[in-house]
């Protein structure tokens, strides 16, 4: 593993550390108010572009970079938070009447 991959993994870990806090807030607040699901879909799109690059590397070199797994973990956390957004939106609608 080279310095470039280590830097990329460090960036993904830094972003990845923030998602559990966001998920916890979404879980506890039980509201979708103030949340931008469009932003989260854009984040997932960006991560998917990164993963695509890793699979291009795999097809060219036969090696799947370690950073791929960090992208997938981050995507999973954001998707979970998106699911919480829809749960919370439903709870907001029920609370409104």
PDB file of N, CA and C in Angstrom:
ATOM      1  N   UNK A   1       0.861  -1.171   0.000  1.00  0.00           N
ATOM      2  CA  UNK A   1       0.000   0.000   0.000  1.00  0.00           C
ATOM      3  C   UNK A   1       0.907   1.233   0.000  1.00  0.00           C
ATOM      4  N   UNK A   2       0.593   2.178  -0.874  1.00  0.00           N
ATOM      5  CA  UNK A   2       1.429   3.368  -0.981  1.00  0.00           C
ATOM      6  C   UNK A   2       0.819   4.550  -0.230  1.00  0.00           C
ATOM      7  N   UNK A   3       1.550   5.670  -0.219  1.00  0.00           N
ATOM      8  CA  UNK A   3       1.124   6.867   0.520  1.00  0.00           C
ATOM      9  C   UNK A   3      -0.185   7.428  -0.026  1.00  0.00           C
ATOM     10  N   UNK A   4      -0.389   7.328  -1.326  1.00  0.00           N
ATOM     11  CA  UNK A   4      -1.627   7.845  -1.926  1.00  0.00           C
ATOM     12  C   UNK A   4      -2.828   7.086  -1.378  1.00  0.00           C
ATOM     13  N   UNK A   5      -2.725   5.761  -1.334  1.00  0.00           N
ATOM     14  CA  UNK A   5      -3.832   4.959  -0.794  1.00  0.00           C
ATOM     15  C   UNK A   5      -4.042   5.237   0.684  1.00  0.00           C
ATOM     16  N   UNK A   6      -2.955   5.409   1.429  1.00  0.00           N
ATOM     17  CA  UNK A   6      -3.090   5.716   2.858  1.00  0.00           C
ATOM     18  C   UNK A   6      -3.808   7.044   3.071  1.00  0.00           C
ATOM     19  N   UNK A   7      -3.476   8.031   2.257  1.00  0.00           N
ATOM     20  CA  UNK A   7      -4.160   9.330   2.362  1.00  0.00           C
ATOM     21  C   UNK A   7      -5.643   9.204   2.016  1.00  0.00           C
ATOM     22  N   UNK A   8      -5.940   8.435   0.984  1.00  0.00           N
ATOM     23  CA  UNK A   8      -7.337   8.238   0.595  1.00  0.00           C
ATOM     24  C   UNK A   8      -8.109   7.518   1.698  1.00  0.00           C
ATOM     25  N   UNK A   9      -7.511   6.493   2.264  1.00  0.00           N
ATOM     26  CA  UNK A   9      -8.155   5.767   3.362  1.00  0.00           C
ATOM     27  C   UNK A   9      -8.361   6.683   4.558  1.00  0.00           C
ATOM     28  N   UNK A  10      -7.374   7.513   4.877  1.00  0.00           N
ATOM     29  CA  UNK A  10      -7.506   8.448   5.994  1.00  0.00           C
ATOM     30  C   UNK A  10      -8.674   9.407   5.765  1.00  0.00           C
ATOM     31  N   UNK A  11      -8.817   9.892   4.527  1.00  0.00           N
ATOM     32  CA  UNK A  11      -9.935  10.781   4.200  1.00  0.00           C
ATOM     33  C   UNK A  11     -11.269  10.054   4.377  1.00  0.00           C
ATOM     34  N   UNK A  12     -11.342   8.820   3.894  1.00  0.00           N
ATOM     35  CA  UNK A  12     -12.580   8.052   4.013  1.00  0.00           C
ATOM     36  C   UNK A  12     -12.904   7.727   5.469  1.00  0.00           C
ATOM     37  N   UNK A  13     -11.894   7.449   6.264  1.00  0.00           N
ATOM     38  CA  UNK A  13     -12.108   7.188   7.692  1.00  0.00           C
ATOM     39  C   UNK A  13     -12.608   8.464   8.374  1.00  0.00           C
ATOM     40  N   UNK A  14     -12.016   9.602   8.041  1.00  0.00           N
ATOM     41  CA  UNK A  14     -12.452  10.875   8.634  1.00  0.00           C
ATOM     42  C   UNK A  14     -13.924  11.135   8.321  1.00  0.00           C
ATOM     43  N   UNK A  15     -14.307  10.947   7.060  1.00  0.00           N
ATOM     44  CA  UNK A  15     -15.718  11.106   6.709  1.00  0.00           C
ATOM     45  C   UNK A  15     -16.561  10.039   7.398  1.00  0.00           C
ATOM     46  N   UNK A  16     -16.047   8.824   7.416  1.00  0.00           N
ATOM     47  CA  UNK A  16     -16.777   7.704   8.010  1.00  0.00           C
ATOM     48  C   UNK A  16     -17.033   7.871   9.488  1.00  0.00           C
ATOM     49  N   UNK A  17     -16.131   8.535  10.186  1.00  0.00           N
ATOM     50  CA  UNK A  17     -16.327   8.772  11.620  1.00  0.00           C
ATOM     51  C   UNK A  17     -17.526   9.681  11.871  1.00  0.00           C
ATOM     52  N   UNK A  18     -17.791  10.587  10.944  1.00  0.00           N
ATOM     53  CA  UNK A  18     -18.896  11.531  11.136  1.00  0.00           C
ATOM     54  C   UNK A  18     -20.266  10.893  10.964  1.00  0.00           C
ATOM     55  N   UNK A  19     -20.371   9.854  10.136  1.00  0.00           N
ATOM     56  CA  UNK A  19     -21.691   9.284   9.846  1.00  0.00           C
ATOM     57  C   UNK A  19     -22.373   8.650  11.052  1.00  0.00           C
ATOM     58  N   UNK A  20     -21.683   7.918  11.917  1.00  0.00           N
ATOM     59  CA  UNK A  20     -22.391   7.384  13.100  1.00  0.00           C
ATOM     60  C   UNK A  20     -23.017   8.487  13.966  1.00  0.00           C
ATOM     61  N   UNK A  21     -22.352   9.641  14.059  1.00  0.00           N
ATOM     62  CA  UNK A  21     -22.928  10.751  14.818  1.00  0.00           C
ATOM     63  C   UNK A  21     -24.198  11.257  14.151  1.00  0.00           C
ATOM     64  N   UNK A  22     -24.164  11.359  12.834  1.00  0.00           N
ATOM     65  CA  UNK A  22     -25.328  11.805  12.074  1.00  0.00           C
ATOM     66  C   UNK A  22     -26.472  10.791  12.183  1.00  0.00           C
ATOM     67  N   UNK A  23     -26.127   9.520  12.100  1.00  0.00           N
ATOM     68  CA  UNK A  23     -27.128   8.462  12.228  1.00  0.00           C
ATOM     69  C   UNK A  23     -27.755   8.491  13.607  1.00  0.00           C
ATOM     70  N   UNK A  24     -26.932   8.651  14.634  1.00  0.00           N
ATOM     71  CA  UNK A  24     -27.437   8.713  16.010  1.00  0.00           C
ATOM     72  C   UNK A  24     -28.395   9.881  16.194  1.00  0.00           C
ATOM     73  N   UNK A  25     -28.037  11.027  15.632  1.00  0.00           N
ATOM     74  CA  UNK A  25     -28.909  12.197  15.722  1.00  0.00           C
ATOM     75  C   UNK A  25     -30.231  11.949  15.006  1.00  0.00           C
ATOM     76  N   UNK A  26     -30.163  11.331  13.827  1.00  0.00           N
ATOM     77  CA  UNK A  26     -31.391  11.016  13.079  1.00  0.00           C
ATOM     78  C   UNK A  26     -32.263  10.042  13.861  1.00  0.00           C
ATOM     79  N   UNK A  27     -31.635   9.056  14.469  1.00  0.00           N
ATOM     80  CA  UNK A  27     -32.362   8.040  15.229  1.00  0.00           C
ATOM     81  C   UNK A  27     -33.065   8.662  16.433  1.00  0.00           C
ATOM     82  N   UNK A  28     -32.322   9.477  17.190  1.00  0.00           N
ATOM     83  CA  UNK A  28     -32.866  10.047  18.435  1.00  0.00           C
ATOM     84  C   UNK A  28     -33.878  11.161  18.176  1.00  0.00           C
ATOM     85  N   UNK A  29     -33.652  11.980  17.160  1.00  0.00           N
ATOM     86  CA  UNK A  29     -34.523  13.133  16.929  1.00  0.00           C
ATOM     87  C   UNK A  29     -35.911  12.734  16.454  1.00  0.00           C
ATOM     88  N   UNK A  30     -35.986  11.630  15.703  1.00  0.00           N
ATOM     89  CA  UNK A  30     -37.255  11.137  15.166  1.00  0.00           C
ATOM     90  C   UNK A  30     -37.977  12.187  14.321  1.00  0.00           C
ATOM     91  N   UNK A  31     -37.191  13.050  13.657  1.00  0.00           N
ATOM     92  CA  UNK A  31     -37.761  14.038  12.749  1.00  0.00           C
ATOM     93  C   UNK A  31     -36.843  14.206  11.546  1.00  0.00           C
ATOM     94  N   UNK A  32     -37.453  14.512  10.414  1.00  0.00           N
ATOM     95  CA  UNK A  32     -36.690  14.757   9.192  1.00  0.00           C
ATOM     96  C   UNK A  32     -36.477  16.249   8.977  1.00  0.00           C
ATOM     97  N   UNK A  33     -37.029  17.048   9.872  1.00  0.00           N
ATOM     98  CA  UNK A  33     -36.914  18.501   9.732  1.00  0.00           C
ATOM     99  C   UNK A  33     -35.455  18.925   9.818  1.00  0.00           C
ATOM    100  N   UNK A  34     -35.066  19.775   8.875  1.00  0.00           N
ATOM    101  CA  UNK A  34     -33.701  20.277   8.830  1.00  0.00           C
ATOM    102  C   UNK A  34     -32.716  19.343   8.154  1.00  0.00           C
ATOM    103  N   UNK A  35     -33.205  18.233   7.626  1.00  0.00           N
ATOM    104  CA  UNK A  35     -32.348  17.236   6.988  1.00  0.00           C
ATOM    105  C   UNK A  35     -32.488  17.354   5.475  1.00  0.00           C
ATOM    106  N   UNK A  36     -31.372  17.269   4.760  1.00  0.00           N
ATOM    107  CA  UNK A  36     -31.409  17.322   3.306  1.00  0.00           C
ATOM    108  C   UNK A  36     -31.088  15.948   2.739  1.00  0.00           C
ATOM    109  N   UNK A  37     -32.125  15.247   2.317  1.00  0.00           N
ATOM    110  CA  UNK A  37     -31.913  13.919   1.729  1.00  0.00           C
ATOM    111  C   UNK A  37     -31.228  14.047   0.365  1.00  0.00           C
ATOM    112  N   UNK A  38     -31.456  15.150  -0.329  1.00  0.00           N
ATOM    113  CA  UNK A  38     -30.781  15.365  -1.612  1.00  0.00           C
ATOM    114  C   UNK A  38     -29.270  15.424  -1.403  1.00  0.00           C
ATOM    115  N   UNK A  39     -28.838  16.093  -0.361  1.00  0.00           N
ATOM    116  CA  UNK A  39     -27.414  16.158  -0.031  1.00  0.00           C
ATOM    117  C   UNK A  39     -26.847  14.763   0.179  1.00  0.00           C
ATOM    118  N   UNK A  40     -27.585  13.937   0.907  1.00  0.00           N
ATOM    119  CA  UNK A  40     -27.099  12.588   1.182  1.00  0.00           C
ATOM    120  C   UNK A  40     -27.038  11.746  -0.094  1.00  0.00           C
ATOM    121  N   UNK A  41     -27.990  11.911  -1.000  1.00  0.00           N
ATOM    122  CA  UNK A  41     -27.922  11.197  -2.273  1.00  0.00           C
ATOM    123  C   UNK A  41     -26.712  11.656  -3.094  1.00  0.00           C
ATOM    124  N   UNK A  42     -26.384  12.933  -3.029  1.00  0.00           N
ATOM    125  CA  UNK A  42     -25.200  13.433  -3.726  1.00  0.00           C
ATOM    126  C   UNK A  42     -23.935  12.821  -3.123  1.00  0.00           C
ATOM    127  N   UNK A  43     -23.901  12.689  -1.802  1.00  0.00           N
ATOM    128  CA  UNK A  43     -22.759  12.055  -1.133  1.00  0.00           C
ATOM    129  C   UNK A  43     -22.616  10.604  -1.611  1.00  0.00           C
ATOM    130  N   UNK A  44     -23.721   9.867  -1.648  1.00  0.00           N
ATOM    131  CA  UNK A  44     -23.677   8.479  -2.111  1.00  0.00           C
ATOM    132  C   UNK A  44     -23.182   8.436  -3.552  1.00  0.00           C
ATOM    133  N   UNK A  45     -23.671   9.335  -4.388  1.00  0.00           N
ATOM    134  CA  UNK A  45     -23.225   9.396  -5.777  1.00  0.00           C
ATOM    135  C   UNK A  45     -21.711   9.591  -5.856  1.00  0.00           C
ATOM    136  N   UNK A  46     -21.184  10.508  -5.056  1.00  0.00           N
ATOM    137  CA  UNK A  46     -19.743  10.742  -5.028  1.00  0.00           C
ATOM    138  C   UNK A  46     -18.967   9.510  -4.607  1.00  0.00           C
ATOM    139  N   UNK A  47     -19.448   8.837  -3.562  1.00  0.00           N
ATOM    140  CA  UNK A  47     -18.798   7.604  -3.126  1.00  0.00           C
ATOM    141  C   UNK A  47     -18.860   6.537  -4.221  1.00  0.00           C
ATOM    142  N   UNK A  48     -19.980   6.442  -4.923  1.00  0.00           N
ATOM    143  CA  UNK A  48     -20.107   5.454  -5.998  1.00  0.00           C
ATOM    144  C   UNK A  48     -19.130   5.738  -7.134  1.00  0.00           C
ATOM    145  N   UNK A  49     -18.889   7.005  -7.406  1.00  0.00           N
ATOM    146  CA  UNK A  49     -17.882   7.350  -8.413  1.00  0.00           C
ATOM    147  C   UNK A  49     -16.507   6.875  -7.945  1.00  0.00           C
ATOM    148  N   UNK A  50     -16.216   7.076  -6.658  1.00  0.00           N
ATOM    149  CA  UNK A  50     -14.952   6.594  -6.108  1.00  0.00           C
ATOM    150  C   UNK A  50     -14.817   5.086  -6.214  1.00  0.00           C
ATOM    151  N   UNK A  51     -15.892   4.367  -5.889  1.00  0.00           N
ATOM    152  CA  UNK A  51     -15.877   2.900  -5.983  1.00  0.00           C
ATOM    153  C   UNK A  51     -15.703   2.464  -7.437  1.00  0.00           C
ATOM    154  N   UNK A  52     -16.334   3.167  -8.344  1.00  0.00           N
ATOM    155  CA  UNK A  52     -16.183   2.851  -9.764  1.00  0.00           C
ATOM    156  C   UNK A  52     -14.710   2.931 -10.178  1.00  0.00           C
ATOM    157  N   UNK A  53     -14.038   3.958  -9.696  1.00  0.00           N
ATOM    158  CA  UNK A  53     -12.609   4.085  -9.976  1.00  0.00           C
ATOM    159  C   UNK A  53     -11.818   2.901  -9.455  1.00  0.00           C
ATOM    160  N   UNK A  54     -12.216   2.386  -8.301  1.00  0.00           N
ATOM    161  CA  UNK A  54     -11.516   1.234  -7.723  1.00  0.00           C
ATOM    162  C   UNK A  54     -11.733  -0.018  -8.564  1.00  0.00           C
ATOM    163  N   UNK A  55     -12.931  -0.165  -9.111  1.00  0.00           N
ATOM    164  CA  UNK A  55     -13.194  -1.327  -9.958  1.00  0.00           C
ATOM    165  C   UNK A  55     -12.513  -1.182 -11.321  1.00  0.00           C
ATOM    166  N   UNK A  56     -12.332   0.036 -11.772  1.00  0.00           N
ATOM    167  CA  UNK A  56     -11.532   0.243 -12.993  1.00  0.00           C
ATOM    168  C   UNK A  56     -10.090  -0.178 -12.715  1.00  0.00           C
ATOM    169  N   UNK A  57      -9.584   0.199 -11.539  1.00  0.00           N
ATOM    170  CA  UNK A  57      -8.239  -0.234 -11.143  1.00  0.00           C
ATOM    171  C   UNK A  57      -8.165  -1.758 -11.097  1.00  0.00           C
ATOM    172  N   UNK A  58      -9.193  -2.389 -10.549  1.00  0.00           N
ATOM    173  CA  UNK A  58      -9.233  -3.859 -10.496  1.00  0.00           C
ATOM    174  C   UNK A  58      -9.165  -4.462 -11.896  1.00  0.00           C
ATOM    175  N   UNK A  59      -9.945  -3.901 -12.820  1.00  0.00           N
ATOM    176  CA  UNK A  59      -9.965  -4.463 -14.179  1.00  0.00           C
ATOM    177  C   UNK A  59      -8.631  -4.265 -14.898  1.00  0.00           C
ATOM    178  N   UNK A  60      -7.921  -3.197 -14.555  1.00  0.00           N
ATOM    179  CA  UNK A  60      -6.643  -2.916 -15.227  1.00  0.00           C
ATOM    180  C   UNK A  60      -5.465  -3.659 -14.591  1.00  0.00           C
ATOM    181  N   UNK A  61      -5.524  -3.840 -13.280  1.00  0.00           N
ATOM    182  CA  UNK A  61      -4.356  -4.386 -12.574  1.00  0.00           C
ATOM    183  C   UNK A  61      -4.602  -5.750 -11.948  1.00  0.00           C
ATOM    184  N   UNK A  62      -5.883  -6.114 -11.806  1.00  0.00           N
ATOM    185  CA  UNK A  62      -6.203  -7.357 -11.114  1.00  0.00           C
ATOM    186  C   UNK A  62      -6.163  -7.221  -9.597  1.00  0.00           C
ATOM    187  N   UNK A  63      -5.979  -5.989  -9.112  1.00  0.00           N
ATOM    188  CA  UNK A  63      -5.885  -5.729  -7.669  1.00  0.00           C
ATOM    189  C   UNK A  63      -7.005  -4.783  -7.255  1.00  0.00           C
ATOM    190  N   UNK A  64      -7.762  -5.199  -6.261  1.00  0.00           N
ATOM    191  CA  UNK A  64      -8.801  -4.334  -5.700  1.00  0.00           C
ATOM    192  C   UNK A  64      -8.179  -3.554  -4.537  1.00  0.00           C
ATOM    193  N   UNK A  65      -8.082  -2.224  -4.662  1.00  0.00           N
ATOM    194  CA  UNK A  65      -7.444  -1.444  -3.600  1.00  0.00           C
ATOM    195  C   UNK A  65      -8.186  -1.575  -2.263  1.00  0.00           C
ATOM    196  N   UNK A  66      -7.417  -1.536  -1.180  1.00  0.00           N
ATOM    197  CA  UNK A  66      -7.999  -1.621   0.162  1.00  0.00           C
ATOM    198  C   UNK A  66      -9.034  -0.529   0.421  1.00  0.00           C
ATOM    199  N   UNK A  67      -8.821   0.635  -0.169  1.00  0.00           N
ATOM    200  CA  UNK A  67      -9.731   1.756   0.078  1.00  0.00           C
ATOM    201  C   UNK A  67     -11.157   1.466  -0.382  1.00  0.00           C
ATOM    202  N   UNK A  68     -11.330   0.501  -1.266  1.00  0.00           N
ATOM    203  CA  UNK A  68     -12.672   0.139  -1.743  1.00  0.00           C
ATOM    204  C   UNK A  68     -13.583  -0.195  -0.575  1.00  0.00           C
ATOM    205  N   UNK A  69     -13.062  -0.921   0.397  1.00  0.00           N
ATOM    206  CA  UNK A  69     -13.876  -1.354   1.540  1.00  0.00           C
ATOM    207  C   UNK A  69     -14.315  -0.175   2.390  1.00  0.00           C
ATOM    208  N   UNK A  70     -13.504   0.871   2.460  1.00  0.00           N
ATOM    209  CA  UNK A  70     -13.872   2.065   3.214  1.00  0.00           C
ATOM    210  C   UNK A  70     -14.968   2.839   2.488  1.00  0.00           C
ATOM    211  N   UNK A  71     -14.875   2.891   1.154  1.00  0.00           N
ATOM    212  CA  UNK A  71     -15.962   3.497   0.375  1.00  0.00           C
ATOM    213  C   UNK A  71     -17.271   2.757   0.635  1.00  0.00           C
ATOM    214  N   UNK A  72     -17.223   1.438   0.591  1.00  0.00           N
ATOM    215  CA  UNK A  72     -18.451   0.649   0.778  1.00  0.00           C
ATOM    216  C   UNK A  72     -19.027   0.829   2.184  1.00  0.00           C
ATOM    217  N   UNK A  73     -18.161   0.912   3.195  1.00  0.00           N
ATOM    218  CA  UNK A  73     -18.639   1.140   4.564  1.00  0.00           C
ATOM    219  C   UNK A  73     -19.308   2.513   4.673  1.00  0.00           C
ATOM    220  N   UNK A  74     -18.691   3.532   4.071  1.00  0.00           N
ATOM    221  CA  UNK A  74     -19.274   4.873   4.113  1.00  0.00           C
ATOM    222  C   UNK A  74     -20.621   4.908   3.381  1.00  0.00           C
ATOM    223  N   UNK A  75     -20.682   4.242   2.226  1.00  0.00           N
ATOM    224  CA  UNK A  75     -21.945   4.182   1.485  1.00  0.00           C
ATOM    225  C   UNK A  75     -23.023   3.526   2.342  1.00  0.00           C
ATOM    226  N   UNK A  76     -22.690   2.438   3.001  1.00  0.00           N
ATOM    227  CA  UNK A  76     -23.674   1.733   3.835  1.00  0.00           C
ATOM    228  C   UNK A  76     -24.207   2.647   4.935  1.00  0.00           C
ATOM    229  N   UNK A  77     -23.329   3.424   5.554  1.00  0.00           N
ATOM    230  CA  UNK A  77     -23.779   4.323   6.627  1.00  0.00           C
ATOM    231  C   UNK A  77     -24.678   5.430   6.092  1.00  0.00           C
ATOM    232  N   UNK A  78     -24.331   5.992   4.944  1.00  0.00           N
ATOM    233  CA  UNK A  78     -25.161   7.061   4.380  1.00  0.00           C
ATOM    234  C   UNK A  78     -26.518   6.498   3.954  1.00  0.00           C
ATOM    235  N   UNK A  79     -26.531   5.325   3.356  1.00  0.00           N
ATOM    236  CA  UNK A  79     -27.798   4.701   2.955  1.00  0.00           C
ATOM    237  C   UNK A  79     -28.664   4.431   4.187  1.00  0.00           C
ATOM    238  N   UNK A  80     -28.048   3.987   5.276  1.00  0.00           N
ATOM    239  CA  UNK A  80     -28.806   3.768   6.511  1.00  0.00           C
ATOM    240  C   UNK A  80     -29.411   5.076   6.996  1.00  0.00           C
ATOM    241  N   UNK A  81     -28.635   6.171   6.927  1.00  0.00           N
ATOM    242  CA  UNK A  81     -29.157   7.473   7.346  1.00  0.00           C
ATOM    243  C   UNK A  81     -30.277   7.938   6.425  1.00  0.00           C
ATOM    244  N   UNK A  82     -30.183   7.625   5.136  1.00  0.00           N
ATOM    245  CA  UNK A  82     -31.267   7.960   4.201  1.00  0.00           C
ATOM    246  C   UNK A  82     -32.534   7.194   4.592  1.00  0.00           C
ATOM    247  N   UNK A  83     -32.391   5.932   4.963  1.00  0.00           N
ATOM    248  CA  UNK A  83     -33.549   5.152   5.421  1.00  0.00           C
ATOM    249  C   UNK A  83     -34.169   5.786   6.662  1.00  0.00           C
ATOM    250  N   UNK A  84     -33.329   6.259   7.559  1.00  0.00           N
ATOM    251  CA  UNK A  84     -33.840   6.939   8.753  1.00  0.00           C
ATOM    252  C   UNK A  84     -34.570   8.224   8.380  1.00  0.00           C
ATOM    253  N   UNK A  85     -34.089   8.915   7.359  1.00  0.00           N
ATOM    254  CA  UNK A  85     -34.771  10.119   6.894  1.00  0.00           C
ATOM    255  C   UNK A  85     -36.208   9.787   6.508  1.00  0.00           C
ATOM    256  N   UNK A  86     -36.396   8.719   5.734  1.00  0.00           N
ATOM    257  CA  UNK A  86     -37.744   8.356   5.300  1.00  0.00           C
ATOM    258  C   UNK A  86     -38.594   7.865   6.473  1.00  0.00           C
ATOM    259  N   UNK A  87     -37.987   7.162   7.408  1.00  0.00           N
ATOM    260  CA  UNK A  87     -38.726   6.774   8.618  1.00  0.00           C
ATOM    261  C   UNK A  87     -39.165   8.026   9.370  1.00  0.00           C
ATOM    262  N   UNK A  88     -38.244   8.966   9.532  1.00  0.00           N
ATOM    263  CA  UNK A  88     -38.552  10.180  10.287  1.00  0.00           C
ATOM    264  C   UNK A  88     -39.564  11.060   9.560  1.00  0.00           C
ATOM    265  N   UNK A  89     -39.505  11.070   8.239  1.00  0.00           N
ATOM    266  CA  UNK A  89     -40.497  11.842   7.477  1.00  0.00           C
ATOM    267  C   UNK A  89     -41.893  11.266   7.712  1.00  0.00           C
ATOM    268  N   UNK A  90     -41.974   9.937   7.751  1.00  0.00           N
ATOM    269  CA  UNK A  90     -43.251   9.276   8.038  1.00  0.00           C
ATOM    270  C   UNK A  90     -43.722   9.630   9.454  1.00  0.00           C
ATOM    271  N   UNK A  91     -42.807   9.629  10.405  1.00  0.00           N
ATOM    272  CA  UNK A  91     -43.169  10.009  11.785  1.00  0.00           C
ATOM    273  C   UNK A  91     -43.629  11.457  11.856  1.00  0.00           C
ATOM    274  N   UNK A  92     -42.987  12.336  11.082  1.00  0.00           N
ATOM    275  CA  UNK A  92     -43.406  13.744  11.040  1.00  0.00           C
ATOM    276  C   UNK A  92     -44.831  13.864  10.508  1.00  0.00           C
ATOM    277  N   UNK A  93     -45.146  13.122   9.451  1.00  0.00           N
ATOM    278  CA  UNK A  93     -46.489  13.168   8.872  1.00  0.00           C
ATOM    279  C   UNK A  93     -47.533  12.641   9.848  1.00  0.00           C
ATOM    280  N   UNK A  94     -47.185  11.570  10.570  1.00  0.00           N
ATOM    281  CA  UNK A  94     -48.110  11.015  11.579  1.00  0.00           C
ATOM    282  C   UNK A  94     -48.331  12.019  12.711  1.00  0.00           C
ATOM    283  N   UNK A  95     -47.294  12.719  13.104  1.00  0.00           N
ATOM    284  CA  UNK A  95     -47.415  13.689  14.193  1.00  0.00           C
ATOM    285  C   UNK A  95     -48.244  14.907  13.789  1.00  0.00           C
ATOM    286  N   UNK A  96     -48.220  15.225  12.496  1.00  0.00           N
ATOM    287  CA  UNK A  96     -48.979  16.369  11.999  1.00  0.00           C
ATOM    288  C   UNK A  96     -50.476  16.062  11.911  1.00  0.00           C
ATOM    289  N   UNK A  97     -50.804  14.799  11.893  1.00  0.00           N
ATOM    290  CA  UNK A  97     -52.215  14.485  11.927  1.00  0.00           C
ATOM    291  C   UNK A  97     -52.630  13.604  10.829  1.00  0.00           C
TER     292      UNK A  97
END
